[in-house]
């Protein structure tokens, strides 16, 4: 599994923080508009095309593309064109505006794929990302209630079981 951002969250919370694994995974899909896919990935998602097409990433710490390239292409790509949009909405809008392609939570893009506004570039290679909830070792009651609500929402909304071969990392 790939742990994205947990170390940063633990640093922000301090030494008394814990990382509780949520009871589910977030599924990410690599998507682009049909026009962007035709222009940049007409022959499929290949290494030469990845080195030319612009990727849309959340920020400089976003490792989803690197993991995806390793799984999809079998190599560490490292240097590829990219733009950063540190907001989930801005990232998706950049993809919809054809500024590039990117990794987006499946629950966010599946309706757009069904409508034909986006296409999955590698539907057989979705990333399943382990999620963690940072919390204090001894949480005050209001925070313990929030933690319980987050855990329950994760059970209802996210992927609950993942075949071993689907794990990233």
N, C-alpha and C. Protein backbone atom coordinates (compact mmCIF):
# COMPACT_ATOMS: atom_id res chain seq x y z
N UNK A 1 0.83 -1.18 0.00
CA UNK A 1 0.00 0.00 0.00
C UNK A 1 0.87 1.24 0.00
N UNK A 2 0.33 2.31 -0.51
CA UNK A 2 1.03 3.57 -0.55
C UNK A 2 0.44 4.47 0.52
N UNK A 3 1.29 5.01 1.36
CA UNK A 3 0.86 5.94 2.39
C UNK A 3 1.25 7.34 1.94
N UNK A 4 0.26 8.14 1.59
CA UNK A 4 0.51 9.48 1.10
C UNK A 4 0.11 10.48 2.19
N UNK A 5 1.06 11.26 2.67
CA UNK A 5 0.75 12.35 3.56
C UNK A 5 0.69 12.03 5.04
N UNK A 6 0.77 10.78 5.45
CA UNK A 6 0.63 10.44 6.86
C UNK A 6 1.80 10.98 7.70
N UNK A 7 3.00 10.93 7.16
CA UNK A 7 4.15 11.42 7.91
C UNK A 7 4.04 12.93 8.13
N UNK A 8 3.59 13.63 7.12
CA UNK A 8 3.40 15.07 7.25
C UNK A 8 2.35 15.38 8.31
N UNK A 9 1.25 14.65 8.29
CA UNK A 9 0.19 14.88 9.27
C UNK A 9 0.70 14.59 10.68
N UNK A 10 1.48 13.54 10.85
CA UNK A 10 2.01 13.21 12.16
C UNK A 10 2.94 14.32 12.66
N UNK A 11 3.71 14.91 11.78
CA UNK A 11 4.59 16.01 12.18
C UNK A 11 3.79 17.22 12.63
N UNK A 12 2.70 17.50 11.92
CA UNK A 12 1.87 18.64 12.28
C UNK A 12 1.19 18.46 13.63
N UNK A 13 0.79 17.22 13.94
CA UNK A 13 0.09 16.96 15.19
C UNK A 13 1.02 16.85 16.38
N UNK A 14 2.27 16.57 16.14
CA UNK A 14 3.23 16.45 17.23
C UNK A 14 3.44 15.01 17.65
N UNK A 15 4.31 14.83 18.63
CA UNK A 15 4.75 13.48 19.01
C UNK A 15 3.67 12.67 19.71
N UNK A 16 2.60 13.29 20.21
CA UNK A 16 1.55 12.53 20.87
C UNK A 16 0.47 12.07 19.90
N UNK A 17 0.70 12.26 18.61
CA UNK A 17 -0.31 11.88 17.63
C UNK A 17 -0.12 10.42 17.22
N UNK A 18 -1.21 9.85 16.76
CA UNK A 18 -1.21 8.49 16.22
C UNK A 18 -1.82 8.55 14.83
N UNK A 19 -1.49 7.56 14.02
CA UNK A 19 -2.10 7.46 12.71
C UNK A 19 -2.99 6.22 12.75
N UNK A 20 -4.28 6.40 12.67
CA UNK A 20 -5.23 5.29 12.66
C UNK A 20 -5.59 4.99 11.22
N UNK A 21 -5.35 3.73 10.81
CA UNK A 21 -5.71 3.34 9.46
C UNK A 21 -7.22 3.31 9.35
N UNK A 22 -7.75 3.98 8.33
CA UNK A 22 -9.19 3.94 8.10
C UNK A 22 -9.56 2.54 7.60
N UNK A 23 -10.78 2.12 7.80
CA UNK A 23 -11.18 0.76 7.42
C UNK A 23 -11.49 0.63 5.94
N UNK A 24 -10.78 1.37 5.10
CA UNK A 24 -11.11 1.36 3.68
C UNK A 24 -9.97 1.97 2.87
N UNK A 25 -10.13 1.92 1.56
CA UNK A 25 -9.16 2.48 0.62
C UNK A 25 -9.85 3.47 -0.28
N UNK A 26 -9.06 4.40 -0.81
CA UNK A 26 -9.54 5.34 -1.81
C UNK A 26 -9.01 4.86 -3.16
N UNK A 27 -9.92 4.73 -4.13
CA UNK A 27 -9.53 4.29 -5.48
C UNK A 27 -9.33 5.53 -6.35
N UNK A 28 -8.15 5.61 -6.98
CA UNK A 28 -7.83 6.71 -7.88
C UNK A 28 -7.78 6.20 -9.31
N UNK A 29 -8.27 7.03 -10.24
CA UNK A 29 -8.20 6.71 -11.66
C UNK A 29 -7.40 7.78 -12.38
N UNK A 30 -6.64 7.34 -13.37
CA UNK A 30 -5.89 8.26 -14.22
C UNK A 30 -6.83 8.66 -15.35
N UNK A 31 -7.16 9.96 -15.42
CA UNK A 31 -8.18 10.42 -16.36
C UNK A 31 -7.70 11.62 -17.17
N UNK A 32 -8.39 11.81 -18.29
CA UNK A 32 -8.19 12.98 -19.15
C UNK A 32 -9.49 13.20 -19.91
N UNK A 33 -9.60 14.34 -20.56
CA UNK A 33 -10.75 14.54 -21.44
C UNK A 33 -10.55 13.67 -22.68
N UNK A 34 -11.63 13.33 -23.37
CA UNK A 34 -11.47 12.55 -24.61
C UNK A 34 -10.54 13.26 -25.62
N UNK A 35 -10.64 14.58 -25.74
CA UNK A 35 -9.78 15.33 -26.67
C UNK A 35 -8.32 15.25 -26.28
N UNK A 36 -8.02 15.43 -24.99
CA UNK A 36 -6.64 15.35 -24.53
C UNK A 36 -6.10 13.95 -24.75
N UNK A 37 -6.90 12.94 -24.46
CA UNK A 37 -6.47 11.55 -24.64
C UNK A 37 -6.18 11.27 -26.12
N UNK A 38 -7.04 11.74 -27.03
CA UNK A 38 -6.81 11.54 -28.48
C UNK A 38 -5.52 12.22 -28.92
N UNK A 39 -5.31 13.44 -28.43
CA UNK A 39 -4.14 14.21 -28.87
C UNK A 39 -2.82 13.67 -28.29
N UNK A 40 -2.83 13.24 -27.05
CA UNK A 40 -1.58 12.88 -26.37
C UNK A 40 -1.37 11.39 -26.16
N UNK A 41 -2.44 10.61 -26.16
CA UNK A 41 -2.33 9.18 -25.87
C UNK A 41 -3.06 8.34 -26.91
N UNK A 42 -2.96 8.72 -28.17
CA UNK A 42 -3.66 8.01 -29.24
C UNK A 42 -3.25 6.54 -29.30
N UNK A 43 -2.01 6.23 -28.99
CA UNK A 43 -1.53 4.85 -29.02
C UNK A 43 -1.55 4.19 -27.65
N UNK A 44 -2.25 4.80 -26.72
CA UNK A 44 -2.26 4.27 -25.36
C UNK A 44 -1.29 5.04 -24.48
N UNK A 45 -1.24 4.63 -23.25
CA UNK A 45 -0.38 5.30 -22.26
C UNK A 45 1.01 4.69 -22.34
N UNK A 46 1.88 5.32 -23.16
CA UNK A 46 3.23 4.81 -23.37
C UNK A 46 4.26 5.74 -22.75
N UNK A 47 5.45 5.23 -22.51
CA UNK A 47 6.51 6.04 -21.91
C UNK A 47 6.82 7.29 -22.74
N UNK A 48 6.99 7.20 -24.06
CA UNK A 48 7.26 8.44 -24.82
C UNK A 48 6.14 9.48 -24.67
N UNK A 49 4.88 9.02 -24.63
CA UNK A 49 3.77 9.96 -24.49
C UNK A 49 3.75 10.59 -23.10
N UNK A 50 4.04 9.79 -22.06
CA UNK A 50 4.08 10.29 -20.68
C UNK A 50 5.17 11.35 -20.54
N UNK A 51 6.27 11.19 -21.25
CA UNK A 51 7.36 12.16 -21.18
C UNK A 51 7.03 13.47 -21.88
N UNK A 52 5.99 13.47 -22.73
CA UNK A 52 5.59 14.67 -23.47
C UNK A 52 4.34 15.35 -22.92
N UNK A 53 3.36 14.57 -22.46
CA UNK A 53 2.07 15.13 -22.01
C UNK A 53 2.21 15.69 -20.59
N UNK A 54 1.44 16.73 -20.32
CA UNK A 54 1.49 17.37 -19.02
C UNK A 54 0.59 16.65 -18.02
N UNK A 55 1.17 16.32 -16.87
CA UNK A 55 0.42 15.71 -15.78
C UNK A 55 -0.05 16.82 -14.84
N UNK A 56 -1.22 16.62 -14.26
CA UNK A 56 -1.76 17.55 -13.27
C UNK A 56 -1.63 16.87 -11.91
N UNK A 57 -0.86 17.49 -11.01
CA UNK A 57 -0.63 16.95 -9.67
C UNK A 57 -1.16 17.92 -8.63
N UNK A 58 -1.41 17.41 -7.45
CA UNK A 58 -1.91 18.23 -6.34
C UNK A 58 -0.83 19.19 -5.86
N UNK A 59 0.33 18.66 -5.51
CA UNK A 59 1.46 19.48 -5.07
C UNK A 59 2.76 18.71 -5.28
N UNK A 60 3.87 19.27 -4.86
CA UNK A 60 5.17 18.65 -5.09
C UNK A 60 5.35 17.35 -4.32
N UNK A 61 4.57 17.12 -3.29
CA UNK A 61 4.65 15.88 -2.51
C UNK A 61 3.74 14.78 -3.06
N UNK A 62 2.94 15.10 -4.06
CA UNK A 62 2.00 14.15 -4.64
C UNK A 62 2.77 13.07 -5.39
N UNK A 63 2.74 11.85 -4.88
CA UNK A 63 3.50 10.74 -5.46
C UNK A 63 2.63 9.78 -6.26
N UNK A 64 1.35 10.09 -6.46
CA UNK A 64 0.46 9.16 -7.14
C UNK A 64 0.91 8.84 -8.57
N UNK A 65 1.36 9.86 -9.30
CA UNK A 65 1.81 9.60 -10.67
C UNK A 65 3.05 8.70 -10.67
N UNK A 66 3.96 8.94 -9.76
CA UNK A 66 5.18 8.14 -9.70
C UNK A 66 4.84 6.67 -9.43
N UNK A 67 3.93 6.43 -8.50
CA UNK A 67 3.50 5.05 -8.20
C UNK A 67 2.81 4.47 -9.43
N UNK A 68 1.92 5.24 -10.03
CA UNK A 68 1.19 4.79 -11.21
C UNK A 68 2.14 4.42 -12.35
N UNK A 69 3.12 5.28 -12.62
CA UNK A 69 4.07 4.99 -13.70
C UNK A 69 4.85 3.71 -13.41
N UNK A 70 5.25 3.52 -12.16
CA UNK A 70 5.96 2.30 -11.80
C UNK A 70 5.12 1.06 -12.05
N UNK A 71 3.83 1.12 -11.69
CA UNK A 71 2.94 -0.02 -11.90
C UNK A 71 2.58 -0.20 -13.38
N UNK A 72 2.28 0.89 -14.05
CA UNK A 72 1.80 0.84 -15.44
C UNK A 72 2.93 0.60 -16.44
N UNK A 73 4.04 1.31 -16.25
CA UNK A 73 5.13 1.26 -17.22
C UNK A 73 6.30 0.40 -16.77
N UNK A 74 6.33 0.06 -15.48
CA UNK A 74 7.41 -0.78 -14.96
C UNK A 74 8.72 -0.05 -14.77
N UNK A 75 8.67 1.29 -14.82
CA UNK A 75 9.90 2.07 -14.64
C UNK A 75 9.58 3.30 -13.79
N UNK A 76 10.60 3.84 -13.17
CA UNK A 76 10.48 5.12 -12.48
C UNK A 76 10.71 6.21 -13.51
N UNK A 77 9.69 7.01 -13.77
CA UNK A 77 9.79 8.01 -14.83
C UNK A 77 10.57 9.23 -14.35
N UNK A 78 10.26 9.75 -13.19
CA UNK A 78 11.02 10.87 -12.62
C UNK A 78 10.73 12.21 -13.24
N UNK A 79 11.17 12.43 -14.45
CA UNK A 79 11.04 13.74 -15.08
C UNK A 79 9.97 13.69 -16.16
N UNK A 80 8.91 14.41 -15.92
CA UNK A 80 7.83 14.53 -16.89
C UNK A 80 7.17 15.90 -16.68
N UNK A 81 6.55 16.47 -17.70
CA UNK A 81 5.93 17.79 -17.54
C UNK A 81 4.77 17.71 -16.55
N UNK A 82 4.65 18.73 -15.69
CA UNK A 82 3.58 18.72 -14.69
C UNK A 82 3.20 20.14 -14.28
N UNK A 83 1.97 20.26 -13.87
CA UNK A 83 1.46 21.49 -13.26
C UNK A 83 0.87 21.09 -11.91
N UNK A 84 0.89 22.02 -10.96
CA UNK A 84 0.38 21.76 -9.61
C UNK A 84 -0.88 22.58 -9.35
N UNK A 85 -1.88 21.92 -8.83
CA UNK A 85 -3.14 22.56 -8.44
C UNK A 85 -3.52 22.04 -7.06
N UNK A 86 -3.12 22.74 -5.99
CA UNK A 86 -3.30 22.24 -4.63
C UNK A 86 -4.72 22.39 -4.08
N UNK A 87 -5.68 21.97 -4.87
CA UNK A 87 -7.08 21.94 -4.47
C UNK A 87 -7.72 20.83 -5.30
N UNK A 88 -8.49 19.94 -4.67
CA UNK A 88 -9.13 18.88 -5.46
C UNK A 88 -10.00 19.43 -6.58
N UNK A 89 -10.72 20.51 -6.32
CA UNK A 89 -11.59 21.11 -7.34
C UNK A 89 -10.75 21.72 -8.45
N UNK A 90 -9.70 22.45 -8.09
CA UNK A 90 -8.84 23.07 -9.10
C UNK A 90 -8.14 22.02 -9.94
N UNK A 91 -7.69 20.93 -9.31
CA UNK A 91 -7.03 19.84 -10.04
C UNK A 91 -7.98 19.25 -11.08
N UNK A 92 -9.20 18.93 -10.66
CA UNK A 92 -10.18 18.36 -11.59
C UNK A 92 -10.53 19.36 -12.69
N UNK A 93 -10.70 20.63 -12.34
CA UNK A 93 -11.01 21.64 -13.35
C UNK A 93 -9.87 21.79 -14.36
N UNK A 94 -8.63 21.69 -13.91
CA UNK A 94 -7.49 21.76 -14.83
C UNK A 94 -7.54 20.61 -15.83
N UNK A 95 -7.91 19.44 -15.36
CA UNK A 95 -8.04 18.28 -16.26
C UNK A 95 -9.20 18.51 -17.23
N UNK A 96 -10.33 18.97 -16.72
CA UNK A 96 -11.49 19.24 -17.58
C UNK A 96 -11.20 20.35 -18.59
N UNK A 97 -10.33 21.29 -18.22
CA UNK A 97 -9.94 22.37 -19.14
C UNK A 97 -8.82 21.95 -20.09
N UNK A 98 -8.47 20.66 -20.07
CA UNK A 98 -7.48 20.06 -20.97
C UNK A 98 -6.07 20.60 -20.78
N UNK A 99 -5.74 20.98 -19.54
CA UNK A 99 -4.37 21.40 -19.26
C UNK A 99 -3.47 20.20 -19.03
N UNK A 100 -4.05 19.02 -18.86
CA UNK A 100 -3.28 17.80 -18.64
C UNK A 100 -4.17 16.66 -18.22
N UNK A 101 -3.54 15.60 -17.76
CA UNK A 101 -4.24 14.41 -17.28
C UNK A 101 -3.85 14.21 -15.83
N UNK A 102 -4.62 13.43 -15.08
CA UNK A 102 -4.25 13.28 -13.69
C UNK A 102 -4.94 12.15 -12.96
N UNK A 103 -4.46 11.91 -11.74
CA UNK A 103 -5.02 10.91 -10.83
C UNK A 103 -6.07 11.59 -9.96
N UNK A 104 -7.29 11.07 -10.01
CA UNK A 104 -8.40 11.68 -9.28
C UNK A 104 -9.18 10.56 -8.59
N UNK A 105 -9.71 10.81 -7.39
CA UNK A 105 -10.52 9.79 -6.75
C UNK A 105 -11.66 9.33 -7.67
N UNK A 106 -11.82 8.02 -7.78
CA UNK A 106 -12.83 7.45 -8.67
C UNK A 106 -14.23 7.95 -8.35
N UNK A 107 -14.54 8.09 -7.05
CA UNK A 107 -15.88 8.55 -6.69
C UNK A 107 -16.16 9.96 -7.21
N UNK A 108 -15.12 10.71 -7.49
CA UNK A 108 -15.27 12.08 -8.00
C UNK A 108 -15.44 12.08 -9.52
N UNK A 109 -14.80 11.14 -10.22
CA UNK A 109 -14.81 11.20 -11.69
C UNK A 109 -15.72 10.19 -12.38
N UNK A 110 -16.18 9.17 -11.68
CA UNK A 110 -17.00 8.15 -12.35
C UNK A 110 -18.23 8.73 -13.05
N UNK A 111 -18.96 9.69 -12.44
CA UNK A 111 -20.09 10.26 -13.19
C UNK A 111 -19.64 10.95 -14.48
N UNK A 112 -18.49 11.60 -14.46
CA UNK A 112 -18.00 12.29 -15.65
C UNK A 112 -17.52 11.31 -16.72
N UNK A 113 -17.03 10.16 -16.29
CA UNK A 113 -16.65 9.12 -17.25
C UNK A 113 -17.91 8.57 -17.92
N UNK A 114 -18.95 8.32 -17.12
CA UNK A 114 -20.22 7.82 -17.69
C UNK A 114 -20.82 8.83 -18.67
N UNK A 115 -20.68 10.13 -18.37
CA UNK A 115 -21.22 11.18 -19.24
C UNK A 115 -20.36 11.41 -20.48
N UNK A 116 -19.14 10.86 -20.51
CA UNK A 116 -18.25 11.06 -21.64
C UNK A 116 -17.40 12.31 -21.54
N UNK A 117 -17.45 13.01 -20.41
CA UNK A 117 -16.62 14.21 -20.23
C UNK A 117 -15.17 13.86 -19.95
N UNK A 118 -14.94 12.69 -19.36
CA UNK A 118 -13.59 12.19 -19.07
C UNK A 118 -13.49 10.75 -19.53
N UNK A 119 -12.25 10.31 -19.76
CA UNK A 119 -11.98 8.89 -20.05
C UNK A 119 -10.91 8.41 -19.09
N UNK A 120 -11.04 7.14 -18.70
CA UNK A 120 -10.01 6.51 -17.87
C UNK A 120 -8.89 6.08 -18.81
N UNK A 121 -7.67 6.53 -18.54
CA UNK A 121 -6.54 6.21 -19.41
C UNK A 121 -6.00 4.80 -19.17
N UNK A 122 -6.22 4.26 -18.01
CA UNK A 122 -5.75 2.91 -17.68
C UNK A 122 -6.71 2.29 -16.67
N UNK A 123 -7.93 1.98 -17.09
CA UNK A 123 -8.94 1.52 -16.14
C UNK A 123 -8.56 0.25 -15.39
N UNK A 124 -7.71 -0.56 -15.98
CA UNK A 124 -7.28 -1.79 -15.32
C UNK A 124 -6.16 -1.54 -14.31
N UNK A 125 -5.72 -0.29 -14.18
CA UNK A 125 -4.60 0.06 -13.30
C UNK A 125 -4.97 1.15 -12.29
N UNK A 126 -6.18 1.09 -11.76
CA UNK A 126 -6.56 2.04 -10.72
C UNK A 126 -5.62 1.87 -9.52
N UNK A 127 -5.36 2.96 -8.84
CA UNK A 127 -4.54 2.90 -7.62
C UNK A 127 -5.47 2.79 -6.41
N UNK A 128 -5.16 1.88 -5.52
CA UNK A 128 -5.90 1.72 -4.27
C UNK A 128 -4.99 2.25 -3.17
N UNK A 129 -5.40 3.35 -2.55
CA UNK A 129 -4.55 4.03 -1.58
C UNK A 129 -5.11 3.85 -0.17
N UNK A 130 -4.26 3.36 0.70
CA UNK A 130 -4.57 3.23 2.12
C UNK A 130 -4.77 4.62 2.70
N UNK A 131 -5.79 4.82 3.49
CA UNK A 131 -6.04 6.11 4.10
C UNK A 131 -5.83 6.04 5.60
N UNK A 132 -5.34 7.13 6.16
CA UNK A 132 -5.06 7.21 7.59
C UNK A 132 -5.71 8.45 8.16
N UNK A 133 -6.12 8.36 9.42
CA UNK A 133 -6.74 9.48 10.13
C UNK A 133 -5.81 9.85 11.28
N UNK A 134 -5.23 11.06 11.24
CA UNK A 134 -4.36 11.48 12.36
C UNK A 134 -5.22 11.88 13.56
N UNK A 135 -4.80 11.46 14.72
CA UNK A 135 -5.54 11.81 15.93
C UNK A 135 -4.58 11.81 17.12
N UNK A 136 -5.02 12.37 18.23
CA UNK A 136 -4.20 12.40 19.42
C UNK A 136 -4.37 11.11 20.21
N UNK A 137 -3.33 10.74 20.93
CA UNK A 137 -3.37 9.53 21.71
C UNK A 137 -4.50 9.57 22.74
N UNK A 138 -4.68 10.69 23.39
CA UNK A 138 -5.78 10.87 24.33
C UNK A 138 -6.63 12.04 23.84
N UNK A 139 -7.60 11.70 23.02
CA UNK A 139 -8.43 12.72 22.41
C UNK A 139 -9.47 13.26 23.39
N UNK A 140 -9.68 14.57 23.40
CA UNK A 140 -10.82 15.11 24.15
C UNK A 140 -12.12 14.60 23.51
N UNK A 141 -13.17 14.55 24.26
CA UNK A 141 -14.44 13.97 23.80
C UNK A 141 -14.92 14.51 22.45
N UNK A 142 -14.94 15.81 22.22
CA UNK A 142 -15.42 16.26 20.90
C UNK A 142 -14.58 15.69 19.74
N UNK A 143 -13.28 15.59 19.93
CA UNK A 143 -12.43 15.05 18.87
C UNK A 143 -12.61 13.55 18.72
N UNK A 144 -12.84 12.84 19.82
CA UNK A 144 -13.11 11.41 19.74
C UNK A 144 -14.40 11.16 18.96
N UNK A 145 -15.39 12.01 19.16
CA UNK A 145 -16.65 11.89 18.41
C UNK A 145 -16.41 12.12 16.93
N UNK A 146 -15.61 13.12 16.60
CA UNK A 146 -15.29 13.39 15.19
C UNK A 146 -14.55 12.20 14.59
N UNK A 147 -13.59 11.65 15.32
CA UNK A 147 -12.85 10.48 14.83
C UNK A 147 -13.79 9.32 14.54
N UNK A 148 -14.74 9.08 15.44
CA UNK A 148 -15.70 7.99 15.24
C UNK A 148 -16.57 8.25 14.00
N UNK A 149 -16.98 9.49 13.80
CA UNK A 149 -17.77 9.85 12.62
C UNK A 149 -16.98 9.62 11.33
N UNK A 150 -15.70 10.01 11.34
CA UNK A 150 -14.85 9.81 10.15
C UNK A 150 -14.71 8.31 9.86
N UNK A 151 -14.47 7.51 10.88
CA UNK A 151 -14.31 6.07 10.69
C UNK A 151 -15.60 5.46 10.13
N UNK A 152 -16.75 5.87 10.64
CA UNK A 152 -18.02 5.35 10.14
C UNK A 152 -18.29 5.78 8.70
N UNK A 153 -17.98 7.02 8.38
CA UNK A 153 -18.16 7.51 7.00
C UNK A 153 -17.26 6.74 6.04
N UNK A 154 -16.03 6.45 6.47
CA UNK A 154 -15.11 5.68 5.62
C UNK A 154 -15.68 4.29 5.35
N UNK A 155 -16.26 3.67 6.36
CA UNK A 155 -16.87 2.34 6.17
C UNK A 155 -18.01 2.39 5.16
N UNK A 156 -18.76 3.49 5.15
CA UNK A 156 -19.91 3.60 4.25
C UNK A 156 -19.52 4.01 2.83
N UNK A 157 -18.49 4.83 2.68
CA UNK A 157 -18.24 5.50 1.40
C UNK A 157 -17.07 4.97 0.59
N UNK A 158 -16.12 4.31 1.23
CA UNK A 158 -14.89 3.94 0.53
C UNK A 158 -14.84 2.45 0.24
N UNK A 159 -13.89 2.04 -0.58
CA UNK A 159 -13.70 0.64 -0.94
C UNK A 159 -13.32 -0.15 0.31
N UNK A 160 -14.04 -1.24 0.57
CA UNK A 160 -13.84 -2.00 1.80
C UNK A 160 -12.87 -3.16 1.67
N UNK A 161 -12.87 -3.84 0.54
CA UNK A 161 -11.96 -4.96 0.38
C UNK A 161 -11.26 -4.84 -0.97
N UNK A 162 -10.00 -5.14 -0.97
CA UNK A 162 -9.18 -4.96 -2.16
C UNK A 162 -8.43 -6.25 -2.43
N UNK A 163 -8.54 -6.80 -3.67
CA UNK A 163 -7.71 -7.96 -3.99
C UNK A 163 -6.24 -7.59 -3.84
N UNK A 164 -5.44 -8.51 -3.39
CA UNK A 164 -4.01 -8.25 -3.12
C UNK A 164 -3.32 -7.65 -4.32
N UNK A 165 -3.62 -8.11 -5.52
CA UNK A 165 -2.94 -7.62 -6.73
C UNK A 165 -3.28 -6.17 -7.01
N UNK A 166 -4.35 -5.64 -6.44
CA UNK A 166 -4.76 -4.26 -6.74
C UNK A 166 -4.07 -3.24 -5.87
N UNK A 167 -3.35 -3.66 -4.86
CA UNK A 167 -2.70 -2.71 -3.95
C UNK A 167 -1.55 -2.00 -4.64
N UNK A 168 -1.41 -0.72 -4.36
CA UNK A 168 -0.27 0.04 -4.86
C UNK A 168 0.80 0.05 -3.80
N UNK A 169 2.01 -0.17 -4.17
CA UNK A 169 3.11 -0.07 -3.22
C UNK A 169 3.72 -1.39 -2.88
